[in-house]
Amino acid sequence: MNNLSLDGRTVLVTGSARGIGRELLLSMADHGARTAVHYHTSAEAAREVAAEARSRGAEDTMTVQGDVTDPDSVDGLFAAVESELGPVDVLVNNVGDFAPRRWDELEFETWNHVLETNLNGTYLCSKRALPAMRESDSDSDGEYGRIVNIGYASSEKGLVSPVNFPYFVAKAGVLMFTRMLAAETQDDGITVNAISPYVVENSEEFPEELPRNRPASFDDLIQPLLFFLDPDSGYISGENVEVDGGWLPEHV
């Protein structure tokens, strides 16, 4: 994907001040995108990512604050991006907190927060991005729009555990939403896909045994992202790429 050009494309990655979101955004900066570094509370980290993006040649880069679980805040952050960089061509829904405790030990606020950041945030940001994507005529062959959602490995297989249960529920919902939205946008030149990692190099905890004896690297996630963004991938939608090294979740 080294020859992929994102020149003239406006990219918004939610939660891109740190971790996976940061690396995905910078990978698109490397390919010439106009980049919006989104954050909720990590303003200084977001400014550092923006500076790094500019150093890689993405001169049209901004930071934007917003709460993806609040409809008015989502509208405001998109309006800010549209005003400075233009309509969003590529949306990566990366925000999603988790709660690694048993379901019956969680306060309702924590349970709800996990569902809201993972599922509601994906819904609200996608809904806000779609009208401009549908109106876009920036692609020589017609409309171009890309939505990439971050899931979790084996969520499609009904992965359940009493620990971190609302996270699994939310990620299963994200993948269902991905397939529904792909069908809804099939005549619009827009694709909607998902990338679902297991353990990634920045994960807080690592199991004793890992597939292929290592966690997924950021590069392992960047490869399917760039594939989905390629204009030649315009017929591929509603798909979920599991980046898990062949993990079989016998135990969670």
C-alpha atoms as a PDB file:
ATOM      1  CA  MET A   1       0.000   0.000   0.000  1.00  0.00           C
ATOM      2  CA  ASN A   2       3.032   2.285  -0.258  1.00  0.00           C
ATOM      3  CA  ASN A   3       1.620   3.903  -3.407  1.00  0.00           C
ATOM      4  CA  LEU A   4      -1.722   4.814  -1.808  1.00  0.00           C
ATOM      5  CA  SER A   5      -2.412   8.530  -2.046  1.00  0.00           C
ATOM      6  CA  LEU A   6      -4.740  10.263   0.374  1.00  0.00           C
ATOM      7  CA  ASP A   7      -3.951  13.721  -0.974  1.00  0.00           C
ATOM      8  CA  GLY A   8      -6.983  15.941  -0.566  1.00  0.00           C
ATOM      9  CA  ARG A   9      -8.742  13.496   1.752  1.00  0.00           C
ATOM     10  CA  THR A  10      -9.835  14.684   5.179  1.00  0.00           C
ATOM     11  CA  VAL A  11      -9.346  12.073   7.887  1.00  0.00           C
ATOM     12  CA  LEU A  12     -10.846  12.029  11.378  1.00  0.00           C
ATOM     13  CA  VAL A  13      -9.761   9.365  13.867  1.00  0.00           C
ATOM     14  CA  THR A  14     -11.610   9.444  17.163  1.00  0.00           C
ATOM     15  CA  GLY A  15      -9.358   9.041  20.169  1.00  0.00           C
ATOM     16  CA  SER A  16      -6.201   9.682  18.163  1.00  0.00           C
ATOM     17  CA  ALA A  17      -4.166  11.411  20.857  1.00  0.00           C
ATOM     18  CA  ARG A  18      -2.826   8.065  22.068  1.00  0.00           C
ATOM     19  CA  GLY A  19      -2.421   4.366  21.311  1.00  0.00           C
ATOM     20  CA  ILE A  20      -3.984   2.693  18.300  1.00  0.00           C
ATOM     21  CA  GLY A  21      -5.786   5.839  17.185  1.00  0.00           C
ATOM     22  CA  ARG A  22      -2.529   7.798  17.147  1.00  0.00           C
ATOM     23  CA  GLU A  23      -0.737   5.236  15.010  1.00  0.00           C
ATOM     24  CA  LEU A  24      -3.612   4.866  12.547  1.00  0.00           C
ATOM     25  CA  LEU A  25      -3.831   8.622  12.086  1.00  0.00           C
ATOM     26  CA  LEU A  26      -0.093   9.006  11.548  1.00  0.00           C
ATOM     27  CA  SER A  27      -0.128   6.215   8.978  1.00  0.00           C
ATOM     28  CA  MET A  28      -2.646   8.234   6.955  1.00  0.00           C
ATOM     29  CA  ALA A  29      -0.590  11.399   7.419  1.00  0.00           C
ATOM     30  CA  ASP A  30       2.259   9.473   5.797  1.00  0.00           C
ATOM     31  CA  HIS A  31       0.045   9.083   2.739  1.00  0.00           C
ATOM     32  CA  GLY A  32      -0.796  12.761   2.413  1.00  0.00           C
ATOM     33  CA  ALA A  33      -4.136  13.044   4.218  1.00  0.00           C
ATOM     34  CA  ARG A  34      -5.463  16.148   5.912  1.00  0.00           C
ATOM     35  CA  THR A  35      -5.682  14.928   9.487  1.00  0.00           C
ATOM     36  CA  ALA A  36      -7.906  15.799  12.456  1.00  0.00           C
ATOM     37  CA  VAL A  37      -6.513  14.600  15.788  1.00  0.00           C
ATOM     38  CA  HIS A  38      -9.489  14.056  18.073  1.00  0.00           C
ATOM     39  CA  TYR A  39      -9.269  14.003  21.849  1.00  0.00           C
ATOM     40  CA  HIS A  40     -11.604  14.238  24.814  1.00  0.00           C
ATOM     41  CA  THR A  41      -9.302  15.287  27.670  1.00  0.00           C
ATOM     42  CA  SER A  42      -5.753  14.649  26.360  1.00  0.00           C
ATOM     43  CA  ALA A  43      -5.129  18.061  24.790  1.00  0.00           C
ATOM     44  CA  GLU A  44      -1.343  18.085  25.160  1.00  0.00           C
ATOM     45  CA  ALA A  45      -0.973  14.571  23.738  1.00  0.00           C
ATOM     46  CA  ALA A  46      -3.187  15.578  20.786  1.00  0.00           C
ATOM     47  CA  ARG A  47      -0.983  18.600  20.065  1.00  0.00           C
ATOM     48  CA  GLU A  48       2.078  16.348  20.055  1.00  0.00           C
ATOM     49  CA  VAL A  49       0.421  13.993  17.550  1.00  0.00           C
ATOM     50  CA  ALA A  50      -0.530  16.939  15.338  1.00  0.00           C
ATOM     51  CA  ALA A  51       3.067  18.153  15.399  1.00  0.00           C
ATOM     52  CA  GLU A  52       4.270  14.677  14.433  1.00  0.00           C
ATOM     53  CA  ALA A  53       1.755  14.537  11.571  1.00  0.00           C
ATOM     54  CA  ARG A  54       2.993  17.878  10.255  1.00  0.00           C
ATOM     55  CA  SER A  55       6.596  16.669  10.467  1.00  0.00           C
ATOM     56  CA  ARG A  56       5.581  13.804   8.175  1.00  0.00           C
ATOM     57  CA  GLY A  57       4.238  16.179   5.557  1.00  0.00           C
ATOM     58  CA  ALA A  58       0.592  16.519   6.621  1.00  0.00           C
ATOM     59  CA  GLU A  59       0.630  20.303   6.813  1.00  0.00           C
ATOM     60  CA  ASP A  60      -3.172  20.503   6.983  1.00  0.00           C
ATOM     61  CA  THR A  61      -3.547  19.069  10.469  1.00  0.00           C
ATOM     62  CA  MET A  62      -5.660  20.184  13.419  1.00  0.00           C
ATOM     63  CA  THR A  63      -6.671  19.039  16.870  1.00  0.00           C
ATOM     64  CA  VAL A  64     -10.329  18.851  17.800  1.00  0.00           C
ATOM     65  CA  GLN A  65     -11.953  18.224  21.170  1.00  0.00           C
ATOM     66  CA  GLY A  66     -15.232  16.426  21.709  1.00  0.00           C
ATOM     67  CA  ASP A  67     -17.200  13.836  23.647  1.00  0.00           C
ATOM     68  CA  VAL A  68     -18.279  11.139  21.183  1.00  0.00           C
ATOM     69  CA  THR A  69     -21.110  10.049  23.479  1.00  0.00           C
ATOM     70  CA  ASP A  70     -22.822  13.448  23.320  1.00  0.00           C
ATOM     71  CA  PRO A  71     -24.747  14.341  20.121  1.00  0.00           C
ATOM     72  CA  ASP A  72     -24.175  18.100  20.434  1.00  0.00           C
ATOM     73  CA  SER A  73     -20.469  17.615  21.073  1.00  0.00           C
ATOM     74  CA  VAL A  74     -20.170  15.295  18.076  1.00  0.00           C
ATOM     75  CA  ASP A  75     -21.904  17.857  15.884  1.00  0.00           C
ATOM     76  CA  GLY A  76     -19.534  20.536  17.140  1.00  0.00           C
ATOM     77  CA  LEU A  77     -16.372  18.544  16.518  1.00  0.00           C
ATOM     78  CA  PHE A  78     -17.445  17.657  12.977  1.00  0.00           C
ATOM     79  CA  ALA A  79     -18.368  21.279  12.299  1.00  0.00           C
ATOM     80  CA  ALA A  80     -14.901  22.357  13.455  1.00  0.00           C
ATOM     81  CA  VAL A  81     -13.208  19.826  11.156  1.00  0.00           C
ATOM     82  CA  GLU A  82     -15.399  20.752   8.198  1.00  0.00           C
ATOM     83  CA  SER A  83     -14.653  24.444   8.715  1.00  0.00           C
ATOM     84  CA  GLU A  84     -10.878  24.002   8.784  1.00  0.00           C
ATOM     85  CA  LEU A  85     -10.167  20.906   6.663  1.00  0.00           C
ATOM     86  CA  GLY A  86     -13.357  20.281   4.690  1.00  0.00           C
ATOM     87  CA  PRO A  87     -15.870  17.420   4.854  1.00  0.00           C
ATOM     88  CA  VAL A  88     -14.658  14.195   6.415  1.00  0.00           C
ATOM     89  CA  ASP A  89     -13.772  11.612   3.753  1.00  0.00           C
ATOM     90  CA  VAL A  90     -12.395   8.978   6.132  1.00  0.00           C
ATOM     91  CA  LEU A  91     -13.769   8.310   9.602  1.00  0.00           C
ATOM     92  CA  VAL A  92     -12.107   5.831  11.934  1.00  0.00           C
ATOM     93  CA  ASN A  93     -14.244   5.086  14.991  1.00  0.00           C
ATOM     94  CA  ASN A  94     -11.543   4.152  17.458  1.00  0.00           C
ATOM     95  CA  VAL A  95     -12.836   5.406  20.837  1.00  0.00           C
ATOM     96  CA  GLY A  96     -13.958   2.663  23.191  1.00  0.00           C
ATOM     97  CA  ASP A  97     -13.262   2.175  26.878  1.00  0.00           C
ATOM     98  CA  PHE A  98     -13.374  -1.153  28.697  1.00  0.00           C
ATOM     99  CA  ALA A  99     -13.858  -2.348  32.273  1.00  0.00           C
ATOM    100  CA  PRO A 100     -11.868  -5.501  33.127  1.00  0.00           C
ATOM    101  CA  ARG A 101     -14.021  -6.565  36.082  1.00  0.00           C
ATOM    102  CA  ARG A 102     -16.903  -8.965  36.586  1.00  0.00           C
ATOM    103  CA  TRP A 103     -20.247  -7.703  35.341  1.00  0.00           C
ATOM    104  CA  ASP A 104     -21.827  -7.864  38.815  1.00  0.00           C
ATOM    105  CA  GLU A 105     -19.023  -5.751  40.309  1.00  0.00           C
ATOM    106  CA  LEU A 106     -19.568  -2.839  37.939  1.00  0.00           C
ATOM    107  CA  GLU A 107     -21.418   0.297  38.873  1.00  0.00           C
ATOM    108  CA  PHE A 108     -24.160   1.202  36.420  1.00  0.00           C
ATOM    109  CA  GLU A 109     -22.225   4.312  35.396  1.00  0.00           C
ATOM    110  CA  THR A 110     -19.238   2.184  34.363  1.00  0.00           C
ATOM    111  CA  TRP A 111     -21.427  -0.329  32.524  1.00  0.00           C
ATOM    112  CA  ASN A 112     -23.157   2.493  30.661  1.00  0.00           C
ATOM    113  CA  HIS A 113     -19.907   4.320  29.895  1.00  0.00           C
ATOM    114  CA  VAL A 114     -18.427   1.251  28.186  1.00  0.00           C
ATOM    115  CA  LEU A 115     -21.532   0.849  26.023  1.00  0.00           C
ATOM    116  CA  GLU A 116     -21.694   4.555  25.231  1.00  0.00           C
ATOM    117  CA  THR A 117     -18.066   5.045  24.213  1.00  0.00           C
ATOM    118  CA  ASN A 118     -17.875   1.908  22.085  1.00  0.00           C
ATOM    119  CA  LEU A 119     -21.313   1.636  20.489  1.00  0.00           C
ATOM    120  CA  ASN A 120     -23.046   4.999  20.852  1.00  0.00           C
ATOM    121  CA  GLY A 121     -19.907   6.870  19.826  1.00  0.00           C
ATOM    122  CA  THR A 122     -19.606   4.793  16.674  1.00  0.00           C
ATOM    123  CA  TYR A 123     -23.269   5.393  15.876  1.00  0.00           C
ATOM    124  CA  LEU A 124     -23.193   9.151  16.509  1.00  0.00           C
ATOM    125  CA  CYS A 125     -19.983   9.836  14.577  1.00  0.00           C
ATOM    126  CA  SER A 126     -21.011   7.674  11.625  1.00  0.00           C
ATOM    127  CA  LYS A 127     -24.430   9.309  11.458  1.00  0.00           C
ATOM    128  CA  ARG A 128     -22.857  12.760  11.466  1.00  0.00           C
ATOM    129  CA  ALA A 129     -20.252  11.891   8.827  1.00  0.00           C
ATOM    130  CA  LEU A 130     -22.575  10.271   6.297  1.00  0.00           C
ATOM    131  CA  PRO A 131     -24.416  13.262   4.772  1.00  0.00           C
ATOM    132  CA  ALA A 132     -21.196  14.950   3.637  1.00  0.00           C
ATOM    133  CA  MET A 133     -19.767  11.656   2.378  1.00  0.00           C
ATOM    134  CA  ARG A 134     -22.889  11.095   0.312  1.00  0.00           C
ATOM    135  CA  GLU A 135     -22.621  14.564  -1.202  1.00  0.00           C
ATOM    136  CA  SER A 136     -18.910  14.251  -1.979  1.00  0.00           C
ATOM    137  CA  ASP A 137     -17.821  14.347  -5.602  1.00  0.00           C
ATOM    138  CA  SER A 138     -14.087  14.500  -4.899  1.00  0.00           C
ATOM    139  CA  ASP A 139     -13.402  11.127  -6.484  1.00  0.00           C
ATOM    140  CA  SER A 140     -13.011  10.963 -10.243  1.00  0.00           C
ATOM    141  CA  ASP A 141     -15.283   7.943 -10.374  1.00  0.00           C
ATOM    142  CA  GLY A 142     -17.968   9.520  -8.176  1.00  0.00           C
ATOM    143  CA  GLU A 143     -18.458   9.568  -4.423  1.00  0.00           C
ATOM    144  CA  TYR A 144     -15.811   8.445  -1.979  1.00  0.00           C
ATOM    145  CA  GLY A 145     -16.255   7.774   1.700  1.00  0.00           C
ATOM    146  CA  ARG A 146     -14.682   5.354   4.127  1.00  0.00           C
ATOM    147  CA  ILE A 147     -15.802   4.395   7.624  1.00  0.00           C
ATOM    148  CA  VAL A 148     -13.620   1.977   9.558  1.00  0.00           C
ATOM    149  CA  ASN A 149     -14.764   0.774  12.967  1.00  0.00           C
ATOM    150  CA  ILE A 150     -12.523  -0.808  15.583  1.00  0.00           C
ATOM    151  CA  GLY A 151     -14.003  -4.033  16.949  1.00  0.00           C
ATOM    152  CA  TYR A 152     -12.598  -6.863  19.023  1.00  0.00           C
ATOM    153  CA  ALA A 153     -11.442 -10.280  17.873  1.00  0.00           C
ATOM    154  CA  SER A 154     -14.069 -13.055  18.007  1.00  0.00           C
ATOM    155  CA  SER A 155     -16.937 -10.668  18.813  1.00  0.00           C
ATOM    156  CA  GLU A 156     -18.753 -12.016  15.763  1.00  0.00           C
ATOM    157  CA  LYS A 157     -18.466 -15.510  17.218  1.00  0.00           C
ATOM    158  CA  GLY A 158     -20.469 -14.584  20.302  1.00  0.00           C
ATOM    159  CA  LEU A 159     -17.492 -14.138  22.619  1.00  0.00           C
ATOM    160  CA  VAL A 160     -18.769 -13.830  26.191  1.00  0.00           C
ATOM    161  CA  SER A 161     -17.190 -13.689  29.615  1.00  0.00           C
ATOM    162  CA  PRO A 162     -18.380 -12.454  33.017  1.00  0.00           C
ATOM    163  CA  VAL A 163     -15.264 -10.241  33.020  1.00  0.00           C
ATOM    164  CA  ASN A 164     -15.461  -7.171  30.767  1.00  0.00           C
ATOM    165  CA  PHE A 165     -18.903  -8.265  29.601  1.00  0.00           C
ATOM    166  CA  PRO A 166     -20.270  -4.845  28.505  1.00  0.00           C
ATOM    167  CA  TYR A 167     -17.211  -4.407  26.270  1.00  0.00           C
ATOM    168  CA  PHE A 168     -17.956  -7.652  24.445  1.00  0.00           C
ATOM    169  CA  VAL A 169     -21.608  -6.661  24.081  1.00  0.00           C
ATOM    170  CA  ALA A 170     -20.656  -3.262  22.709  1.00  0.00           C
ATOM    171  CA  LYS A 171     -18.113  -4.625  20.227  1.00  0.00           C
ATOM    172  CA  ALA A 172     -20.615  -7.209  18.957  1.00  0.00           C
ATOM    173  CA  GLY A 173     -22.976  -4.290  18.412  1.00  0.00           C
ATOM    174  CA  VAL A 174     -20.284  -2.361  16.548  1.00  0.00           C
ATOM    175  CA  LEU A 175     -19.839  -5.256  14.119  1.00  0.00           C
ATOM    176  CA  MET A 176     -23.598  -5.585  13.601  1.00  0.00           C
ATOM    177  CA  PHE A 177     -23.749  -1.837  12.981  1.00  0.00           C
ATOM    178  CA  THR A 178     -20.890  -2.145  10.492  1.00  0.00           C
ATOM    179  CA  ARG A 179     -22.775  -4.696   8.399  1.00  0.00           C
ATOM    180  CA  MET A 180     -26.038  -2.761   8.544  1.00  0.00           C
ATOM    181  CA  LEU A 181     -24.374   0.499   7.512  1.00  0.00           C
ATOM    182  CA  ALA A 182     -22.500  -1.196   4.682  1.00  0.00           C
ATOM    183  CA  ALA A 183     -25.833  -2.290   3.227  1.00  0.00           C
ATOM    184  CA  GLU A 184     -27.296   1.180   3.740  1.00  0.00           C
ATOM    185  CA  THR A 185     -24.459   2.859   1.827  1.00  0.00           C
ATOM    186  CA  GLN A 186     -23.901   0.373  -0.986  1.00  0.00           C
ATOM    187  CA  ASP A 187     -25.172   2.805  -3.639  1.00  0.00           C
ATOM    188  CA  ASP A 188     -23.279   5.828  -2.285  1.00  0.00           C
ATOM    189  CA  GLY A 189     -19.655   5.035  -3.098  1.00  0.00           C
ATOM    190  CA  ILE A 190     -19.038   4.561   0.621  1.00  0.00           C
ATOM    191  CA  THR A 191     -17.586   1.507   2.310  1.00  0.00           C
ATOM    192  CA  VAL A 192     -17.978   0.550   5.955  1.00  0.00           C
ATOM    193  CA  ASN A 193     -15.654  -2.060   7.421  1.00  0.00           C
ATOM    194  CA  ALA A 194     -14.134  -3.121  10.728  1.00  0.00           C
ATOM    195  CA  ILE A 195     -10.742  -4.080  12.095  1.00  0.00           C
ATOM    196  CA  SER A 196     -10.827  -6.281  15.194  1.00  0.00           C
ATOM    197  CA  PRO A 197      -7.595  -6.849  17.113  1.00  0.00           C
ATOM    198  CA  TYR A 198      -6.990  -9.186  20.037  1.00  0.00           C
ATOM    199  CA  VAL A 199      -3.971  -8.111  22.101  1.00  0.00           C
ATOM    200  CA  VAL A 200      -2.023  -5.166  20.698  1.00  0.00           C
ATOM    201  CA  GLU A 201       1.489  -4.008  21.557  1.00  0.00           C
ATOM    202  CA  ASN A 202       0.156  -1.195  23.768  1.00  0.00           C
ATOM    203  CA  SER A 203      -2.310  -3.390  25.693  1.00  0.00           C
ATOM    204  CA  GLU A 204      -2.211  -2.987  29.459  1.00  0.00           C
ATOM    205  CA  GLU A 205      -2.255  -6.734  30.127  1.00  0.00           C
ATOM    206  CA  PHE A 206      -0.891  -9.711  28.220  1.00  0.00           C
ATOM    207  CA  PRO A 207      -2.017 -13.342  28.578  1.00  0.00           C
ATOM    208  CA  GLU A 208       0.586 -15.972  29.313  1.00  0.00           C
ATOM    209  CA  GLU A 209       0.255 -17.389  25.800  1.00  0.00           C
ATOM    210  CA  LEU A 210      -0.062 -15.266  22.688  1.00  0.00           C
ATOM    211  CA  PRO A 211      -0.707 -16.331  19.091  1.00  0.00           C
ATOM    212  CA  ARG A 212       2.603 -16.460  17.236  1.00  0.00           C
ATOM    213  CA  ASN A 213       4.292 -15.558  20.529  1.00  0.00           C
ATOM    214  CA  ARG A 214       3.634 -11.845  20.244  1.00  0.00           C
ATOM    215  CA  PRO A 215       0.891  -9.248  20.363  1.00  0.00           C
ATOM    216  CA  ALA A 216      -0.350  -7.515  17.248  1.00  0.00           C
ATOM    217  CA  SER A 217       1.839  -4.608  16.247  1.00  0.00           C
ATOM    218  CA  PHE A 218       0.467  -1.261  15.144  1.00  0.00           C
ATOM    219  CA  ASP A 219       1.664  -2.116  11.637  1.00  0.00           C
ATOM    220  CA  ASP A 220      -0.538  -5.231  11.706  1.00  0.00           C
ATOM    221  CA  LEU A 221      -3.549  -2.912  12.110  1.00  0.00           C
ATOM    222  CA  ILE A 222      -2.365  -0.312   9.629  1.00  0.00           C
ATOM    223  CA  GLN A 223      -2.211  -2.802   6.755  1.00  0.00           C
ATOM    224  CA  PRO A 224      -5.950  -3.601   6.621  1.00  0.00           C
ATOM    225  CA  LEU A 225      -6.769   0.063   7.217  1.00  0.00           C
ATOM    226  CA  LEU A 226      -4.839   1.179   4.150  1.00  0.00           C
ATOM    227  CA  PHE A 227      -6.376  -1.657   2.149  1.00  0.00           C
ATOM    228  CA  PHE A 228      -9.884  -0.463   3.032  1.00  0.00           C
ATOM    229  CA  LEU A 229      -8.982   3.131   2.096  1.00  0.00           C
ATOM    230  CA  ASP A 230      -7.696   2.252  -1.358  1.00  0.00           C
ATOM    231  CA  PRO A 231     -10.094   3.438  -4.094  1.00  0.00           C
ATOM    232  CA  ASP A 232      -9.654  -0.004  -5.685  1.00  0.00           C
ATOM    233  CA  SER A 233     -11.291  -1.544  -2.574  1.00  0.00           C
ATOM    234  CA  GLY A 234     -14.585   0.183  -3.259  1.00  0.00           C
ATOM    235  CA  TYR A 235     -16.536  -3.080  -3.661  1.00  0.00           C
ATOM    236  CA  ILE A 236     -15.400  -4.434  -0.304  1.00  0.00           C
ATOM    237  CA  SER A 237     -17.797  -3.369   2.419  1.00  0.00           C
ATOM    238  CA  GLY A 238     -19.357  -4.865   5.527  1.00  0.00           C
ATOM    239  CA  GLU A 239     -16.227  -6.875   6.232  1.00  0.00           C
ATOM    240  CA  ASN A 240     -14.392  -7.464   9.494  1.00  0.00           C
ATOM    241  CA  VAL A 241     -10.673  -8.243   9.516  1.00  0.00           C
ATOM    242  CA  GLU A 242      -9.637  -9.976  12.721  1.00  0.00           C
ATOM    243  CA  VAL A 243      -6.039  -9.126  13.570  1.00  0.00           C
ATOM    244  CA  ASP A 244      -5.473 -11.823  16.156  1.00  0.00           C
ATOM    245  CA  GLY A 245      -2.754 -14.106  14.822  1.00  0.00           C
ATOM    246  CA  GLY A 246      -5.201 -17.015  14.606  1.00  0.00           C
ATOM    247  CA  TRP A 247      -6.386 -16.775  18.211  1.00  0.00           C
ATOM    248  CA  LEU A 248      -9.029 -19.296  19.250  1.00  0.00           C
ATOM    249  CA  PRO A 249     -10.778 -17.955  22.371  1.00  0.00           C
ATOM    250  CA  GLU A 250     -11.136 -21.106  24.422  1.00  0.00           C
ATOM    251  CA  HIS A 251     -10.499 -19.035  27.526  1.00  0.00           C
ATOM    252  CA  VAL A 252     -11.056 -15.321  27.978  1.00  0.00           C
END
